């Protein structure tokens, strides 16, 4: 990891961060303040940014690539809760506010570049800016609502319905997520997903 201020591609990264869903409405001065706390992480496929069950948390701003939020049981069986791509975020803000350990892990689905900072410093930044805090908390609640809707969908819709819903909601990610990962998210086998595609069901 490299401090953003010292990164050889810092000017390009700064420009990309201006398009982030959570940072785009901040002033240049606010973004400059945040940059002092940011490091740049280049992760490979399968690499963890955050492990489930820890108390040390960070805020992530995705510059490139795709991350997934996963929860695992004691036997190691995983469920993917969401995918997040370029200009999106990942966070464990709710756990931080509740004082609980992280309820999920965050993993690179593809090669990914992420700006990251300690959640403690991100929270302090937000607490000093009520408008930005309200906007961020609304975004987090929206993400949680989407995860709940997806979980319900797994029980209520058949296989083609689950796939169609994903394509409608996340068309920009559909061709970028490895088929095995997408099938797992939709609670399908990779073979079923391929069969649906071949039959023109998706």
N, C-alpha and C. Protein backbone atom coordinates (compact mmCIF):
# COMPACT_ATOMS: atom_id res chain seq x y z
N UNK A 1 0.84 -1.20 0.00
CA UNK A 1 0.00 0.00 0.00
C UNK A 1 0.88 1.25 0.00
N UNK A 2 0.42 2.27 -0.70
CA UNK A 2 1.15 3.52 -0.81
C UNK A 2 0.23 4.66 -0.43
N UNK A 3 0.76 5.62 0.33
CA UNK A 3 -0.02 6.82 0.62
C UNK A 3 -0.42 7.48 -0.69
N UNK A 4 -1.66 7.92 -0.77
CA UNK A 4 -2.15 8.54 -2.00
C UNK A 4 -1.26 9.73 -2.37
N UNK A 5 -0.86 10.52 -1.38
CA UNK A 5 -0.05 11.70 -1.66
C UNK A 5 1.30 11.35 -2.28
N UNK A 6 1.80 10.13 -2.05
CA UNK A 6 3.10 9.71 -2.57
C UNK A 6 2.99 8.79 -3.78
N UNK A 7 1.76 8.47 -4.19
CA UNK A 7 1.57 7.50 -5.26
C UNK A 7 1.99 8.10 -6.61
N UNK A 8 2.72 7.34 -7.43
CA UNK A 8 3.16 7.89 -8.72
C UNK A 8 2.00 8.25 -9.66
N UNK A 9 0.82 7.65 -9.46
CA UNK A 9 -0.35 7.96 -10.29
C UNK A 9 -1.37 8.79 -9.52
N UNK A 10 -0.90 9.55 -8.54
CA UNK A 10 -1.83 10.26 -7.64
C UNK A 10 -2.76 11.22 -8.37
N UNK A 11 -2.30 11.87 -9.42
CA UNK A 11 -3.17 12.83 -10.11
C UNK A 11 -4.32 12.13 -10.83
N UNK A 12 -4.04 10.98 -11.44
CA UNK A 12 -5.09 10.20 -12.10
C UNK A 12 -6.07 9.65 -11.06
N UNK A 13 -5.53 9.16 -9.94
CA UNK A 13 -6.38 8.59 -8.88
C UNK A 13 -7.28 9.68 -8.28
N UNK A 14 -6.73 10.85 -8.06
CA UNK A 14 -7.54 11.96 -7.53
C UNK A 14 -8.70 12.28 -8.47
N UNK A 15 -8.42 12.28 -9.77
CA UNK A 15 -9.46 12.55 -10.75
C UNK A 15 -10.53 11.47 -10.71
N UNK A 16 -10.11 10.21 -10.58
CA UNK A 16 -11.06 9.10 -10.54
C UNK A 16 -11.92 9.16 -9.28
N UNK A 17 -11.33 9.56 -8.16
CA UNK A 17 -12.08 9.64 -6.90
C UNK A 17 -13.15 10.72 -6.94
N UNK A 18 -12.98 11.70 -7.80
CA UNK A 18 -14.00 12.74 -7.94
C UNK A 18 -15.33 12.17 -8.47
N UNK A 19 -15.27 11.00 -9.09
CA UNK A 19 -16.47 10.37 -9.65
C UNK A 19 -17.09 9.35 -8.69
N UNK A 20 -16.45 9.15 -7.53
CA UNK A 20 -16.99 8.18 -6.58
C UNK A 20 -18.36 8.63 -6.07
N UNK A 21 -19.27 7.68 -5.94
CA UNK A 21 -20.65 7.98 -5.54
C UNK A 21 -20.73 8.76 -4.23
N UNK A 22 -19.83 8.51 -3.31
CA UNK A 22 -19.88 9.15 -2.00
C UNK A 22 -19.05 10.43 -1.94
N UNK A 23 -18.03 10.53 -2.78
CA UNK A 23 -17.11 11.67 -2.73
C UNK A 23 -17.44 12.77 -3.73
N UNK A 24 -18.25 12.48 -4.74
CA UNK A 24 -18.42 13.41 -5.86
C UNK A 24 -19.03 14.75 -5.48
N UNK A 25 -19.82 14.80 -4.40
CA UNK A 25 -20.46 16.06 -4.01
C UNK A 25 -19.67 16.84 -2.96
N UNK A 26 -18.50 16.32 -2.57
CA UNK A 26 -17.66 17.03 -1.61
C UNK A 26 -16.89 18.14 -2.33
N UNK A 27 -16.45 19.12 -1.56
CA UNK A 27 -15.63 20.18 -2.13
C UNK A 27 -14.20 19.67 -2.35
N UNK A 28 -13.45 20.37 -3.17
CA UNK A 28 -12.05 20.00 -3.40
C UNK A 28 -11.27 20.04 -2.09
N UNK A 29 -11.59 21.01 -1.24
CA UNK A 29 -10.89 21.13 0.04
C UNK A 29 -11.17 19.92 0.93
N UNK A 30 -12.42 19.45 0.91
CA UNK A 30 -12.77 18.26 1.69
C UNK A 30 -12.04 17.03 1.17
N UNK A 31 -11.99 16.88 -0.15
CA UNK A 31 -11.29 15.73 -0.71
C UNK A 31 -9.80 15.79 -0.41
N UNK A 32 -9.24 17.00 -0.44
CA UNK A 32 -7.81 17.16 -0.09
C UNK A 32 -7.56 16.72 1.34
N UNK A 33 -8.49 17.05 2.24
CA UNK A 33 -8.34 16.65 3.64
C UNK A 33 -8.38 15.12 3.78
N UNK A 34 -9.28 14.50 3.04
CA UNK A 34 -9.39 13.04 3.10
C UNK A 34 -8.14 12.36 2.56
N UNK A 35 -7.56 12.92 1.51
CA UNK A 35 -6.40 12.29 0.87
C UNK A 35 -5.24 12.09 1.83
N UNK A 36 -5.14 12.95 2.83
CA UNK A 36 -4.05 12.82 3.80
C UNK A 36 -4.14 11.52 4.59
N UNK A 37 -5.33 10.91 4.62
CA UNK A 37 -5.55 9.68 5.38
C UNK A 37 -5.65 8.44 4.48
N UNK A 38 -5.58 8.63 3.18
CA UNK A 38 -5.83 7.53 2.25
C UNK A 38 -4.55 6.84 1.80
N UNK A 39 -4.65 5.52 1.67
CA UNK A 39 -3.63 4.73 1.00
C UNK A 39 -4.27 4.06 -0.21
N UNK A 40 -3.44 3.68 -1.16
CA UNK A 40 -3.93 3.02 -2.37
C UNK A 40 -3.52 1.55 -2.31
N UNK A 41 -4.51 0.68 -2.50
CA UNK A 41 -4.31 -0.76 -2.43
C UNK A 41 -4.60 -1.38 -3.78
N UNK A 42 -3.66 -2.14 -4.30
CA UNK A 42 -3.86 -2.90 -5.53
C UNK A 42 -3.95 -4.36 -5.15
N UNK A 43 -5.16 -4.92 -5.25
CA UNK A 43 -5.40 -6.29 -4.83
C UNK A 43 -5.62 -7.23 -5.99
N UNK A 44 -5.21 -8.47 -5.80
CA UNK A 44 -5.44 -9.50 -6.80
C UNK A 44 -6.71 -10.26 -6.53
N UNK A 45 -7.16 -11.02 -7.50
CA UNK A 45 -8.37 -11.82 -7.36
C UNK A 45 -8.29 -12.72 -6.13
N UNK A 46 -9.33 -12.66 -5.30
CA UNK A 46 -9.39 -13.50 -4.10
C UNK A 46 -8.73 -12.89 -2.87
N UNK A 47 -8.12 -11.74 -3.01
CA UNK A 47 -7.44 -11.12 -1.88
C UNK A 47 -8.44 -10.40 -0.97
N UNK A 48 -8.26 -10.56 0.34
CA UNK A 48 -9.16 -9.95 1.31
C UNK A 48 -8.73 -8.53 1.63
N UNK A 49 -9.70 -7.62 1.70
CA UNK A 49 -9.47 -6.29 2.26
C UNK A 49 -9.90 -6.26 3.72
N UNK A 50 -10.95 -7.04 4.03
CA UNK A 50 -11.49 -7.06 5.38
C UNK A 50 -11.93 -8.48 5.71
N UNK A 51 -11.56 -8.93 6.91
CA UNK A 51 -11.98 -10.25 7.36
C UNK A 51 -13.20 -10.14 8.27
N UNK A 52 -14.07 -11.11 8.17
CA UNK A 52 -15.25 -11.19 9.04
C UNK A 52 -14.82 -11.38 10.49
N UNK A 53 -15.49 -10.66 11.40
CA UNK A 53 -15.26 -10.86 12.82
C UNK A 53 -14.17 -10.02 13.46
N UNK A 54 -13.67 -9.01 12.76
CA UNK A 54 -12.61 -8.17 13.32
C UNK A 54 -13.18 -6.83 13.79
N UNK A 55 -12.40 -6.13 14.59
CA UNK A 55 -12.83 -4.82 15.10
C UNK A 55 -12.10 -3.66 14.41
N UNK A 56 -11.01 -3.96 13.74
CA UNK A 56 -10.26 -2.91 13.05
C UNK A 56 -10.85 -2.74 11.66
N UNK A 57 -11.46 -1.60 11.40
CA UNK A 57 -12.25 -1.42 10.18
C UNK A 57 -11.74 -0.25 9.35
N UNK A 58 -12.05 -0.31 8.05
CA UNK A 58 -11.65 0.73 7.12
C UNK A 58 -12.82 1.10 6.20
N UNK A 59 -12.68 2.25 5.57
CA UNK A 59 -13.61 2.70 4.55
C UNK A 59 -12.92 2.52 3.20
N UNK A 60 -13.64 1.98 2.21
CA UNK A 60 -13.06 1.69 0.91
C UNK A 60 -13.78 2.45 -0.20
N UNK A 61 -12.98 3.05 -1.09
CA UNK A 61 -13.50 3.74 -2.26
C UNK A 61 -12.92 3.02 -3.48
N UNK A 62 -13.79 2.43 -4.30
CA UNK A 62 -13.33 1.57 -5.38
C UNK A 62 -12.98 2.42 -6.60
N UNK A 63 -11.72 2.31 -7.02
CA UNK A 63 -11.23 3.05 -8.17
C UNK A 63 -11.39 2.20 -9.43
N UNK A 64 -11.10 0.91 -9.31
CA UNK A 64 -11.23 0.02 -10.45
C UNK A 64 -11.40 -1.41 -9.95
N UNK A 65 -12.09 -2.25 -10.72
CA UNK A 65 -12.28 -3.64 -10.33
C UNK A 65 -13.59 -3.87 -9.59
N UNK A 66 -13.75 -5.08 -9.08
CA UNK A 66 -14.99 -5.47 -8.40
C UNK A 66 -14.66 -6.14 -7.07
N UNK A 67 -15.40 -5.74 -6.04
CA UNK A 67 -15.30 -6.36 -4.72
C UNK A 67 -16.60 -7.09 -4.42
N UNK A 68 -16.52 -8.04 -3.49
CA UNK A 68 -17.74 -8.69 -3.01
C UNK A 68 -17.76 -8.65 -1.49
N UNK A 69 -18.97 -8.58 -0.96
CA UNK A 69 -19.20 -8.67 0.49
C UNK A 69 -19.69 -10.09 0.77
N UNK A 70 -18.98 -10.82 1.63
CA UNK A 70 -19.31 -12.22 1.87
C UNK A 70 -19.45 -12.50 3.36
N UNK A 71 -20.37 -13.40 3.68
CA UNK A 71 -20.52 -13.86 5.05
C UNK A 71 -20.33 -15.37 5.04
N UNK A 72 -19.61 -15.88 6.05
CA UNK A 72 -19.32 -17.31 6.10
C UNK A 72 -19.71 -17.89 7.45
N UNK A 73 -20.13 -19.18 7.45
CA UNK A 73 -20.42 -19.84 8.72
C UNK A 73 -19.16 -20.54 9.23
N UNK A 74 -19.27 -21.23 10.36
CA UNK A 74 -18.10 -21.86 10.98
C UNK A 74 -17.50 -22.95 10.10
N UNK A 75 -18.33 -23.53 9.23
CA UNK A 75 -17.85 -24.59 8.34
C UNK A 75 -17.18 -24.01 7.08
N UNK A 76 -17.21 -22.69 6.96
CA UNK A 76 -16.57 -22.04 5.82
C UNK A 76 -17.47 -21.85 4.61
N UNK A 77 -18.75 -22.23 4.72
CA UNK A 77 -19.67 -22.01 3.60
C UNK A 77 -19.97 -20.52 3.49
N UNK A 78 -19.85 -20.00 2.27
CA UNK A 78 -19.99 -18.56 2.05
C UNK A 78 -21.28 -18.20 1.32
N UNK A 79 -21.76 -17.01 1.63
CA UNK A 79 -22.86 -16.41 0.88
C UNK A 79 -22.43 -15.00 0.46
N UNK A 80 -22.58 -14.71 -0.82
CA UNK A 80 -22.23 -13.37 -1.31
C UNK A 80 -23.43 -12.45 -1.11
N UNK A 81 -23.20 -11.35 -0.42
CA UNK A 81 -24.27 -10.40 -0.12
C UNK A 81 -24.43 -9.32 -1.18
N UNK A 82 -23.31 -8.89 -1.76
CA UNK A 82 -23.38 -7.86 -2.81
C UNK A 82 -22.05 -7.79 -3.55
N UNK A 83 -22.10 -7.21 -4.73
CA UNK A 83 -20.92 -6.85 -5.50
C UNK A 83 -20.84 -5.32 -5.55
N UNK A 84 -19.63 -4.81 -5.63
CA UNK A 84 -19.44 -3.37 -5.75
C UNK A 84 -18.35 -3.13 -6.78
N UNK A 85 -18.62 -2.22 -7.73
CA UNK A 85 -17.67 -1.95 -8.80
C UNK A 85 -17.11 -0.54 -8.78
N UNK A 86 -16.51 -0.16 -9.87
CA UNK A 86 -15.86 1.14 -10.03
C UNK A 86 -16.78 2.29 -9.58
N UNK A 87 -16.22 3.20 -8.80
CA UNK A 87 -16.90 4.40 -8.27
C UNK A 87 -17.88 4.11 -7.13
N UNK A 88 -17.95 2.87 -6.71
CA UNK A 88 -18.79 2.52 -5.56
C UNK A 88 -17.91 2.49 -4.30
N UNK A 89 -18.48 2.07 -3.20
CA UNK A 89 -17.76 1.98 -1.93
C UNK A 89 -17.97 0.62 -1.29
N UNK A 90 -17.18 0.34 -0.29
CA UNK A 90 -17.48 -0.72 0.66
C UNK A 90 -17.15 -0.18 2.05
N UNK A 91 -17.89 -0.70 3.03
CA UNK A 91 -17.78 -0.16 4.38
C UNK A 91 -18.34 -1.14 5.39
N UNK A 92 -17.94 -0.96 6.64
CA UNK A 92 -18.58 -1.68 7.74
C UNK A 92 -19.05 -0.64 8.77
N UNK A 93 -19.57 0.45 8.23
CA UNK A 93 -19.97 1.62 9.03
C UNK A 93 -21.00 1.26 10.10
N UNK A 94 -22.00 0.44 9.74
CA UNK A 94 -23.04 0.09 10.72
C UNK A 94 -22.44 -0.66 11.90
N UNK A 95 -21.53 -1.60 11.63
CA UNK A 95 -20.87 -2.35 12.71
C UNK A 95 -20.05 -1.41 13.58
N UNK A 96 -19.39 -0.44 12.95
CA UNK A 96 -18.60 0.54 13.71
C UNK A 96 -19.49 1.32 14.67
N UNK A 97 -20.62 1.80 14.17
CA UNK A 97 -21.52 2.58 15.00
C UNK A 97 -22.12 1.75 16.13
N UNK A 98 -22.34 0.46 15.87
CA UNK A 98 -22.93 -0.42 16.88
C UNK A 98 -21.89 -0.98 17.84
N UNK A 99 -20.61 -0.79 17.51
CA UNK A 99 -19.55 -1.32 18.37
C UNK A 99 -19.42 -2.82 18.30
N UNK A 100 -19.79 -3.41 17.16
CA UNK A 100 -19.73 -4.86 16.98
C UNK A 100 -18.64 -5.21 15.97
N UNK A 101 -18.16 -6.46 15.99
CA UNK A 101 -17.18 -6.86 14.98
C UNK A 101 -17.81 -6.91 13.59
N UNK A 102 -16.98 -6.91 12.58
CA UNK A 102 -17.48 -6.93 11.20
C UNK A 102 -18.30 -8.19 10.96
N UNK A 103 -19.52 -8.06 10.45
CA UNK A 103 -20.37 -9.23 10.23
C UNK A 103 -20.10 -9.93 8.90
N UNK A 104 -19.17 -9.40 8.10
CA UNK A 104 -18.88 -9.96 6.78
C UNK A 104 -17.44 -9.61 6.39
N UNK A 105 -16.95 -10.31 5.37
CA UNK A 105 -15.66 -9.99 4.80
C UNK A 105 -15.83 -9.24 3.49
N UNK A 106 -14.75 -8.60 3.04
CA UNK A 106 -14.74 -7.90 1.75
C UNK A 106 -13.55 -8.42 0.96
N UNK A 107 -13.83 -8.91 -0.24
CA UNK A 107 -12.84 -9.65 -1.03
C UNK A 107 -12.80 -9.12 -2.46
N UNK A 108 -11.63 -9.14 -3.07
CA UNK A 108 -11.49 -8.77 -4.49
C UNK A 108 -12.02 -9.90 -5.36
N UNK A 109 -12.99 -9.61 -6.19
CA UNK A 109 -13.51 -10.58 -7.17
C UNK A 109 -12.59 -10.60 -8.39
N UNK A 110 -12.10 -9.45 -8.77
CA UNK A 110 -11.15 -9.29 -9.87
C UNK A 110 -9.96 -8.51 -9.34
N UNK A 111 -8.98 -8.32 -10.16
CA UNK A 111 -7.92 -7.37 -9.82
C UNK A 111 -8.58 -6.03 -9.53
N UNK A 112 -8.20 -5.39 -8.43
CA UNK A 112 -8.91 -4.17 -8.03
C UNK A 112 -7.94 -3.14 -7.45
N UNK A 113 -8.27 -1.89 -7.69
CA UNK A 113 -7.55 -0.77 -7.06
C UNK A 113 -8.53 -0.03 -6.17
N UNK A 114 -8.13 0.17 -4.92
CA UNK A 114 -9.02 0.74 -3.92
C UNK A 114 -8.27 1.79 -3.11
N UNK A 115 -8.91 2.94 -2.88
CA UNK A 115 -8.40 3.90 -1.90
C UNK A 115 -9.05 3.54 -0.56
N UNK A 116 -8.23 3.44 0.48
CA UNK A 116 -8.74 3.00 1.78
C UNK A 116 -8.25 3.94 2.87
N UNK A 117 -9.03 4.03 3.94
CA UNK A 117 -8.64 4.84 5.09
C UNK A 117 -9.28 4.26 6.34
N UNK A 118 -8.67 4.48 7.51
CA UNK A 118 -9.27 3.96 8.74
C UNK A 118 -10.68 4.49 8.93
N UNK A 119 -11.59 3.63 9.32
CA UNK A 119 -12.98 4.04 9.49
C UNK A 119 -13.11 5.09 10.59
N UNK A 120 -12.26 5.00 11.59
CA UNK A 120 -12.27 6.00 12.67
C UNK A 120 -12.09 7.41 12.11
N UNK A 121 -11.18 7.56 11.15
CA UNK A 121 -10.91 8.87 10.57
C UNK A 121 -12.02 9.30 9.61
N UNK A 122 -12.60 8.35 8.90
CA UNK A 122 -13.74 8.65 8.03
C UNK A 122 -14.94 9.11 8.85
N UNK A 123 -15.19 8.45 9.97
CA UNK A 123 -16.30 8.83 10.86
C UNK A 123 -16.07 10.22 11.43
N UNK A 124 -14.85 10.52 11.83
CA UNK A 124 -14.53 11.85 12.38
C UNK A 124 -14.76 12.92 11.30
N UNK A 125 -14.38 12.62 10.08
CA UNK A 125 -14.60 13.55 8.96
C UNK A 125 -16.09 13.80 8.77
N UNK A 126 -16.90 12.73 8.79
CA UNK A 126 -18.35 12.87 8.61
C UNK A 126 -19.00 13.61 9.77
N UNK A 127 -18.57 13.30 10.98
CA UNK A 127 -19.18 13.94 12.16
C UNK A 127 -19.03 15.46 12.14
N UNK A 128 -17.99 15.93 11.46
CA UNK A 128 -17.77 17.38 11.35
C UNK A 128 -18.54 18.00 10.18
N UNK A 129 -19.24 17.16 9.41
CA UNK A 129 -19.96 17.63 8.23
C UNK A 129 -21.33 16.97 8.19
N UNK A 130 -22.31 17.50 8.90
CA UNK A 130 -23.63 16.86 9.02
C UNK A 130 -24.30 16.53 7.69
N UNK A 131 -24.15 17.39 6.70
CA UNK A 131 -24.80 17.14 5.41
C UNK A 131 -24.17 15.93 4.71
N UNK A 132 -22.85 15.86 4.70
CA UNK A 132 -22.15 14.72 4.10
C UNK A 132 -22.45 13.45 4.88
N UNK A 133 -22.55 13.56 6.19
CA UNK A 133 -22.86 12.40 7.02
C UNK A 133 -24.25 11.86 6.70
N UNK A 134 -25.22 12.75 6.59
CA UNK A 134 -26.60 12.32 6.28
C UNK A 134 -26.65 11.63 4.92
N UNK A 135 -25.94 12.19 3.93
CA UNK A 135 -25.93 11.60 2.59
C UNK A 135 -25.28 10.22 2.60
N UNK A 136 -24.18 10.09 3.35
CA UNK A 136 -23.49 8.81 3.42
C UNK A 136 -24.35 7.77 4.14
N UNK A 137 -24.97 8.15 5.25
CA UNK A 137 -25.81 7.20 5.98
C UNK A 137 -27.01 6.76 5.14
N UNK A 138 -27.55 7.66 4.34
CA UNK A 138 -28.64 7.28 3.44
C UNK A 138 -28.14 6.26 2.42
N UNK A 139 -26.94 6.47 1.90
CA UNK A 139 -26.36 5.54 0.92
C UNK A 139 -26.16 4.16 1.55
N UNK A 140 -25.66 4.13 2.78
CA UNK A 140 -25.45 2.87 3.49
C UNK A 140 -26.78 2.16 3.72
N UNK A 141 -27.80 2.91 4.11
CA UNK A 141 -29.12 2.29 4.32
C UNK A 141 -29.68 1.73 3.01
N UNK A 142 -29.41 2.42 1.90
CA UNK A 142 -29.86 1.93 0.61
C UNK A 142 -29.17 0.61 0.25
N UNK A 143 -27.88 0.54 0.55
CA UNK A 143 -27.14 -0.71 0.30
C UNK A 143 -27.73 -1.85 1.14
N UNK A 144 -28.02 -1.57 2.39
CA UNK A 144 -28.57 -2.60 3.27
C UNK A 144 -29.95 -3.03 2.78
N UNK A 145 -30.74 -2.09 2.28
CA UNK A 145 -32.05 -2.40 1.75
C UNK A 145 -31.93 -3.29 0.51
N UNK A 146 -30.95 -3.01 -0.34
CA UNK A 146 -30.73 -3.81 -1.54
C UNK A 146 -30.33 -5.24 -1.19
N UNK A 147 -29.50 -5.38 -0.15
CA UNK A 147 -29.08 -6.72 0.28
C UNK A 147 -30.29 -7.50 0.81
N UNK A 148 -31.15 -6.83 1.55
CA UNK A 148 -32.35 -7.49 2.07
C UNK A 148 -33.27 -7.91 0.92
N UNK A 149 -33.42 -7.03 -0.06
CA UNK A 149 -34.27 -7.35 -1.21
C UNK A 149 -33.70 -8.54 -1.99
N UNK A 150 -32.38 -8.58 -2.13
CA UNK A 150 -31.75 -9.70 -2.82
C UNK A 150 -31.98 -11.01 -2.07
N UNK A 151 -31.84 -10.98 -0.76
CA UNK A 151 -32.03 -12.19 0.05
C UNK A 151 -33.46 -12.72 -0.09
N UNK A 152 -34.42 -11.81 -0.10
CA UNK A 152 -35.82 -12.20 -0.28
C UNK A 152 -36.03 -12.79 -1.68
N UNK A 153 -35.38 -12.16 -2.67
CA UNK A 153 -35.48 -12.62 -4.06
C UNK A 153 -35.04 -14.07 -4.21
N UNK A 154 -34.00 -14.47 -3.48
CA UNK A 154 -33.49 -15.84 -3.58
C UNK A 154 -34.57 -16.86 -3.22
N UNK A 155 -35.51 -16.46 -2.37
CA UNK A 155 -36.58 -17.37 -1.93
C UNK A 155 -37.84 -17.26 -2.78
N UNK A 156 -38.06 -16.11 -3.38
CA UNK A 156 -39.34 -15.87 -4.07
C UNK A 156 -39.30 -16.06 -5.57
N UNK A 157 -38.14 -15.87 -6.19
CA UNK A 157 -38.07 -15.95 -7.66
C UNK A 157 -37.40 -17.24 -8.11
N UNK A 158 -37.81 -17.72 -9.30
CA UNK A 158 -37.14 -18.88 -9.88
C UNK A 158 -35.80 -18.44 -10.49
N UNK A 159 -35.06 -19.40 -11.03
CA UNK A 159 -33.72 -19.11 -11.52
C UNK A 159 -33.70 -18.01 -12.59
N UNK A 160 -34.54 -18.10 -13.65
CA UNK A 160 -34.53 -17.02 -14.65
C UNK A 160 -34.92 -15.67 -14.04
N UNK A 161 -35.85 -15.68 -13.10
CA UNK A 161 -36.27 -14.44 -12.46
C UNK A 161 -35.15 -13.78 -11.68
N UNK A 162 -34.35 -14.58 -10.99
CA UNK A 162 -33.21 -14.05 -10.23
C UNK A 162 -32.19 -13.41 -11.17
N UNK A 163 -31.94 -14.10 -12.27
CA UNK A 163 -30.96 -13.58 -13.23
C UNK A 163 -31.47 -12.28 -13.86
N UNK A 164 -32.73 -12.27 -14.27
CA UNK A 164 -33.30 -11.06 -14.88
C UNK A 164 -33.26 -9.88 -13.93
N UNK A 165 -33.54 -10.13 -12.66
CA UNK A 165 -33.52 -9.05 -11.68
C UNK A 165 -32.11 -8.47 -11.56
N UNK A 166 -31.11 -9.35 -11.52
CA UNK A 166 -29.73 -8.87 -11.42
C UNK A 166 -29.36 -8.03 -12.64
N UNK A 167 -29.73 -8.50 -13.82
CA UNK A 167 -29.41 -7.76 -15.04
C UNK A 167 -30.10 -6.40 -15.08
N UNK A 168 -31.30 -6.35 -14.55
CA UNK A 168 -32.04 -5.09 -14.51
C UNK A 168 -31.40 -4.11 -13.52
N UNK A 169 -30.95 -4.64 -12.39
CA UNK A 169 -30.41 -3.78 -11.34
C UNK A 169 -28.93 -3.45 -11.54
N UNK A 170 -28.18 -4.38 -12.14
CA UNK A 170 -26.72 -4.21 -12.19
C UNK A 170 -26.16 -4.56 -13.56
N UNK A 171 -26.75 -4.01 -14.58
CA UNK A 171 -26.32 -4.31 -15.96
C UNK A 171 -24.84 -4.01 -16.16
N UNK A 172 -24.33 -2.97 -15.48
CA UNK A 172 -22.94 -2.56 -15.68
C UNK A 172 -21.94 -3.58 -15.14
N UNK A 173 -22.40 -4.49 -14.27
CA UNK A 173 -21.51 -5.49 -13.67
C UNK A 173 -21.63 -6.86 -14.32
N UNK A 174 -22.70 -7.09 -15.05
CA UNK A 174 -23.05 -8.44 -15.51
C UNK A 174 -21.93 -9.13 -16.27
N UNK A 175 -21.27 -8.44 -17.18
CA UNK A 175 -20.23 -9.07 -18.00
C UNK A 175 -18.87 -9.03 -17.34
N UNK A 176 -18.76 -8.36 -16.22
CA UNK A 176 -17.45 -8.21 -15.57
C UNK A 176 -17.25 -9.20 -14.41
N UNK A 177 -18.34 -9.78 -13.94
CA UNK A 177 -18.25 -10.72 -12.82
C UNK A 177 -18.04 -12.13 -13.36
N UNK A 178 -17.04 -12.86 -12.88
CA UNK A 178 -16.85 -14.25 -13.32
C UNK A 178 -18.13 -15.06 -13.11
N UNK A 179 -18.43 -15.93 -14.07
CA UNK A 179 -19.70 -16.66 -14.05
C UNK A 179 -19.89 -17.45 -12.75
N UNK A 180 -18.82 -18.06 -12.27
CA UNK A 180 -18.92 -18.85 -11.03
C UNK A 180 -19.35 -17.97 -9.86
N UNK A 181 -18.81 -16.76 -9.78
CA UNK A 181 -19.15 -15.83 -8.70
C UNK A 181 -20.61 -15.38 -8.82
N UNK A 182 -21.01 -15.05 -10.04
CA UNK A 182 -22.38 -14.60 -10.26
C UNK A 182 -23.38 -15.71 -9.93
N UNK A 183 -23.05 -16.93 -10.33
CA UNK A 183 -23.93 -18.06 -10.05
C UNK A 183 -24.08 -18.25 -8.54
N UNK A 184 -22.97 -18.14 -7.80
CA UNK A 184 -23.02 -18.28 -6.35
C UNK A 184 -23.92 -17.22 -5.72
N UNK A 185 -23.78 -15.99 -6.20
CA UNK A 185 -24.59 -14.88 -5.70
C UNK A 185 -26.07 -15.12 -5.91
N UNK A 186 -26.40 -15.73 -7.05
CA UNK A 186 -27.80 -15.99 -7.40
C UNK A 186 -28.30 -17.34 -6.90
N UNK A 187 -27.44 -18.04 -6.14
CA UNK A 187 -27.78 -19.36 -5.60
C UNK A 187 -28.12 -20.35 -6.72
N UNK A 188 -27.26 -20.32 -7.75
CA UNK A 188 -27.39 -21.23 -8.89
C UNK A 188 -26.06 -21.95 -9.08
N UNK A 189 -26.08 -23.04 -9.80
CA UNK A 189 -24.83 -23.65 -10.22
C UNK A 189 -24.34 -22.91 -11.46
N UNK A 190 -23.04 -22.94 -11.69
CA UNK A 190 -22.48 -22.30 -12.88
C UNK A 190 -23.08 -22.93 -14.14
N UNK A 191 -23.36 -24.23 -14.07
CA UNK A 191 -23.94 -24.94 -15.22
C UNK A 191 -25.35 -24.42 -15.53
N UNK A 192 -26.15 -24.20 -14.48
CA UNK A 192 -27.50 -23.68 -14.69
C UNK A 192 -27.45 -22.29 -15.31
N UNK A 193 -26.55 -21.47 -14.82
CA UNK A 193 -26.42 -20.11 -15.36
C UNK A 193 -26.02 -20.16 -16.83
N UNK A 194 -25.08 -21.04 -17.17
CA UNK A 194 -24.66 -21.18 -18.57
C UNK A 194 -25.80 -21.69 -19.44
N UNK A 195 -26.57 -22.63 -18.90
CA UNK A 195 -27.68 -23.20 -19.66
C UNK A 195 -28.74 -22.13 -19.95
N UNK A 196 -29.03 -21.31 -18.96
CA UNK A 196 -30.00 -20.23 -19.16
C UNK A 196 -29.53 -19.26 -20.23
N UNK A 197 -28.24 -18.99 -20.23
CA UNK A 197 -27.69 -18.06 -21.23
C UNK A 197 -27.78 -18.68 -22.62
N UNK A 198 -27.44 -19.97 -22.73
CA UNK A 198 -27.46 -20.64 -24.03
C UNK A 198 -28.87 -20.71 -24.61
N UNK A 199 -29.85 -20.85 -23.73
CA UNK A 199 -31.23 -20.98 -24.18
C UNK A 199 -31.88 -19.61 -24.45
N UNK A 200 -31.10 -18.57 -24.24
CA UNK A 200 -31.64 -17.24 -24.45
C UNK A 200 -32.61 -16.78 -23.40
N UNK A 201 -32.53 -17.43 -22.20
CA UNK A 201 -33.41 -17.05 -21.10
C UNK A 201 -32.93 -15.78 -20.42
N UNK A 202 -31.66 -15.44 -20.68
CA UNK A 202 -31.10 -14.22 -20.09
C UNK A 202 -30.41 -13.41 -21.19
